Amino acid sequence: MSTITISLADSVEDETILAEYYQIEDGWVTFKTADGKLVASYPEKRITRIKADNTVPTGMTLVNVVNALQPEDLARVTAAASDRAIALGLFR
């Protein structure tokens, strides 16, 4: 498990959760355990920053996207997910 700190647009206090990974789907960011159990979920627009501690596994980040996305939207979502993974230190 990793300690993940989340900054929210509507709060001055950061929230801290324990999770293995997060995924973005249908405008929501969900944080889950290694076996896929939901830990927390926030609307994507509410989150301003996600920061994980050094215990983040160097494994894979799972991102589910809706099959109905147009190619240009899929490229935008993929780029955003890559940027977030780099920010979390999952890719070096």
C-alpha atoms as a PDB file:
ATOM      1  CA  MET A   1       0.000   0.000   0.000  1.00  0.00           C
ATOM      2  CA  SER A   2       1.016   3.562  -0.657  1.00  0.00           C
ATOM      3  CA  THR A   3       0.098   6.687   1.222  1.00  0.00           C
ATOM      4  CA  ILE A   4      -1.550   9.013  -1.280  1.00  0.00           C
ATOM      5  CA  THR A   5      -2.225  12.668  -0.493  1.00  0.00           C
ATOM      6  CA  ILE A   6      -5.026  14.352  -2.431  1.00  0.00           C
ATOM      7  CA  SER A   7      -5.518  18.123  -2.661  1.00  0.00           C
ATOM      8  CA  LEU A   8      -9.131  19.113  -3.261  1.00  0.00           C
ATOM      9  CA  ALA A   9     -10.368  22.302  -4.910  1.00  0.00           C
ATOM     10  CA  ASP A  10     -13.037  22.897  -2.262  1.00  0.00           C
ATOM     11  CA  SER A  11     -10.927  22.219   0.851  1.00  0.00           C
ATOM     12  CA  VAL A  12      -7.883  23.728   2.513  1.00  0.00           C
ATOM     13  CA  GLU A  13      -7.060  20.384   4.141  1.00  0.00           C
ATOM     14  CA  ASP A  14      -5.446  17.607   2.094  1.00  0.00           C
ATOM     15  CA  GLU A  15      -6.887  14.113   2.393  1.00  0.00           C
ATOM     16  CA  THR A  16      -4.675  11.063   2.882  1.00  0.00           C
ATOM     17  CA  ILE A  17      -5.641   7.538   1.867  1.00  0.00           C
ATOM     18  CA  LEU A  18      -3.924   4.153   1.597  1.00  0.00           C
ATOM     19  CA  ALA A  19      -4.247   2.580  -1.851  1.00  0.00           C
ATOM     20  CA  GLU A  20      -2.216   0.706  -4.455  1.00  0.00           C
ATOM     21  CA  TYR A  21      -3.355   2.587  -7.551  1.00  0.00           C
ATOM     22  CA  TYR A  22      -5.912   4.957  -8.962  1.00  0.00           C
ATOM     23  CA  GLN A  23      -7.897   4.989 -12.170  1.00  0.00           C
ATOM     24  CA  ILE A  24      -9.874   7.629 -14.021  1.00  0.00           C
ATOM     25  CA  GLU A  25     -13.210   6.615 -15.447  1.00  0.00           C
ATOM     26  CA  ASP A  26     -16.311   8.569 -16.454  1.00  0.00           C
ATOM     27  CA  GLY A  27     -15.093  11.761 -14.739  1.00  0.00           C
ATOM     28  CA  TRP A  28     -14.269  10.036 -11.432  1.00  0.00           C
ATOM     29  CA  VAL A  29     -10.906   9.202  -9.894  1.00  0.00           C
ATOM     30  CA  THR A  30     -11.096   5.994  -7.877  1.00  0.00           C
ATOM     31  CA  PHE A  31      -8.395   4.733  -5.537  1.00  0.00           C
ATOM     32  CA  LYS A  32      -8.179   0.978  -5.101  1.00  0.00           C
ATOM     33  CA  THR A  33      -6.288  -1.820  -3.347  1.00  0.00           C
ATOM     34  CA  ALA A  34      -4.219  -4.383  -5.256  1.00  0.00           C
ATOM     35  CA  ASP A  35      -7.215  -6.735  -5.380  1.00  0.00           C
ATOM     36  CA  GLY A  36      -9.442  -4.000  -6.865  1.00  0.00           C
ATOM     37  CA  LYS A  37     -11.418  -3.016  -3.756  1.00  0.00           C
ATOM     38  CA  LEU A  38     -12.534   0.615  -3.702  1.00  0.00           C
ATOM     39  CA  VAL A  39     -10.833   2.791  -1.075  1.00  0.00           C
ATOM     40  CA  ALA A  40     -12.092   6.257  -2.108  1.00  0.00           C
ATOM     41  CA  SER A  41     -13.620   8.041  -5.073  1.00  0.00           C
ATOM     42  CA  TYR A  42     -13.709  11.732  -6.051  1.00  0.00           C
ATOM     43  CA  PRO A  43     -15.019  13.682  -9.043  1.00  0.00           C
ATOM     44  CA  GLU A  44     -12.016  14.347 -11.318  1.00  0.00           C
ATOM     45  CA  LYS A  45     -12.685  18.108 -11.413  1.00  0.00           C
ATOM     46  CA  ARG A  46     -12.532  18.294  -7.593  1.00  0.00           C
ATOM     47  CA  ILE A  47      -8.941  16.979  -7.395  1.00  0.00           C
ATOM     48  CA  THR A  48      -6.173  19.522  -7.924  1.00  0.00           C
ATOM     49  CA  ARG A  49      -3.167  17.344  -7.019  1.00  0.00           C
ATOM     50  CA  ILE A  50      -2.314  13.721  -6.270  1.00  0.00           C
ATOM     51  CA  LYS A  51       0.941  12.892  -4.505  1.00  0.00           C
ATOM     52  CA  ALA A  52       2.160   9.449  -3.450  1.00  0.00           C
ATOM     53  CA  ASP A  53       4.952   8.575  -1.062  1.00  0.00           C
ATOM     54  CA  ASN A  54       8.088   6.617  -2.030  1.00  0.00           C
ATOM     55  CA  THR A  55       6.443   3.246  -1.475  1.00  0.00           C
ATOM     56  CA  VAL A  56       4.546   3.408  -4.766  1.00  0.00           C
ATOM     57  CA  PRO A  57       5.100   0.104  -6.574  1.00  0.00           C
ATOM     58  CA  THR A  58       6.922   0.319  -9.886  1.00  0.00           C
ATOM     59  CA  GLY A  59       4.236  -1.790 -11.503  1.00  0.00           C
ATOM     60  CA  MET A  60       1.535  -0.916 -13.927  1.00  0.00           C
ATOM     61  CA  THR A  61      -1.088   1.835 -13.608  1.00  0.00           C
ATOM     62  CA  LEU A  62      -4.514   0.758 -14.801  1.00  0.00           C
ATOM     63  CA  VAL A  63      -6.672   3.284 -16.595  1.00  0.00           C
ATOM     64  CA  ASN A  64     -10.112   2.340 -17.853  1.00  0.00           C
ATOM     65  CA  VAL A  65     -11.577   4.430 -20.643  1.00  0.00           C
ATOM     66  CA  VAL A  66     -15.024   4.374 -22.167  1.00  0.00           C
ATOM     67  CA  ASN A  67     -15.075   2.478 -25.466  1.00  0.00           C
ATOM     68  CA  ALA A  68     -17.154   5.206 -27.107  1.00  0.00           C
ATOM     69  CA  LEU A  69     -14.337   7.779 -27.025  1.00  0.00           C
ATOM     70  CA  GLN A  70     -13.237   9.298 -30.309  1.00  0.00           C
ATOM     71  CA  PRO A  71      -9.545   8.760 -31.221  1.00  0.00           C
ATOM     72  CA  GLU A  72      -8.600  12.358 -30.369  1.00  0.00           C
ATOM     73  CA  ASP A  73     -10.341  12.099 -26.965  1.00  0.00           C
ATOM     74  CA  LEU A  74      -8.643   8.773 -26.298  1.00  0.00           C
ATOM     75  CA  ALA A  75      -5.259  10.369 -27.095  1.00  0.00           C
ATOM     76  CA  ARG A  76      -6.036  13.227 -24.668  1.00  0.00           C
ATOM     77  CA  VAL A  77      -7.019  10.806 -21.871  1.00  0.00           C
ATOM     78  CA  THR A  78      -3.921   8.663 -22.484  1.00  0.00           C
ATOM     79  CA  ALA A  79      -1.652  11.729 -22.362  1.00  0.00           C
ATOM     80  CA  ALA A  80      -3.281  12.931 -19.121  1.00  0.00           C
ATOM     81  CA  ALA A  81      -2.882   9.489 -17.533  1.00  0.00           C
ATOM     82  CA  SER A  82       0.781   9.387 -18.572  1.00  0.00           C
ATOM     83  CA  ASP A  83       1.366  12.836 -17.078  1.00  0.00           C
ATOM     84  CA  ARG A  84      -0.225  11.728 -13.802  1.00  0.00           C
ATOM     85  CA  ALA A  85       1.834   8.513 -13.720  1.00  0.00           C
ATOM     86  CA  ILE A  86       5.030  10.517 -14.262  1.00  0.00           C
ATOM     87  CA  ALA A  87       3.997  12.975 -11.514  1.00  0.00           C
ATOM     88  CA  LEU A  88       3.480  10.031  -9.136  1.00  0.00           C
ATOM     89  CA  GLY A  89       6.918   8.671 -10.017  1.00  0.00           C
ATOM     90  CA  LEU A  90       5.618   5.480 -11.601  1.00  0.00           C
ATOM     91  CA  PHE A  91       7.711   6.080 -14.730  1.00  0.00           C
ATOM     92  CA  ARG A  92      11.285   7.248 -14.542  1.00  0.00           C
END
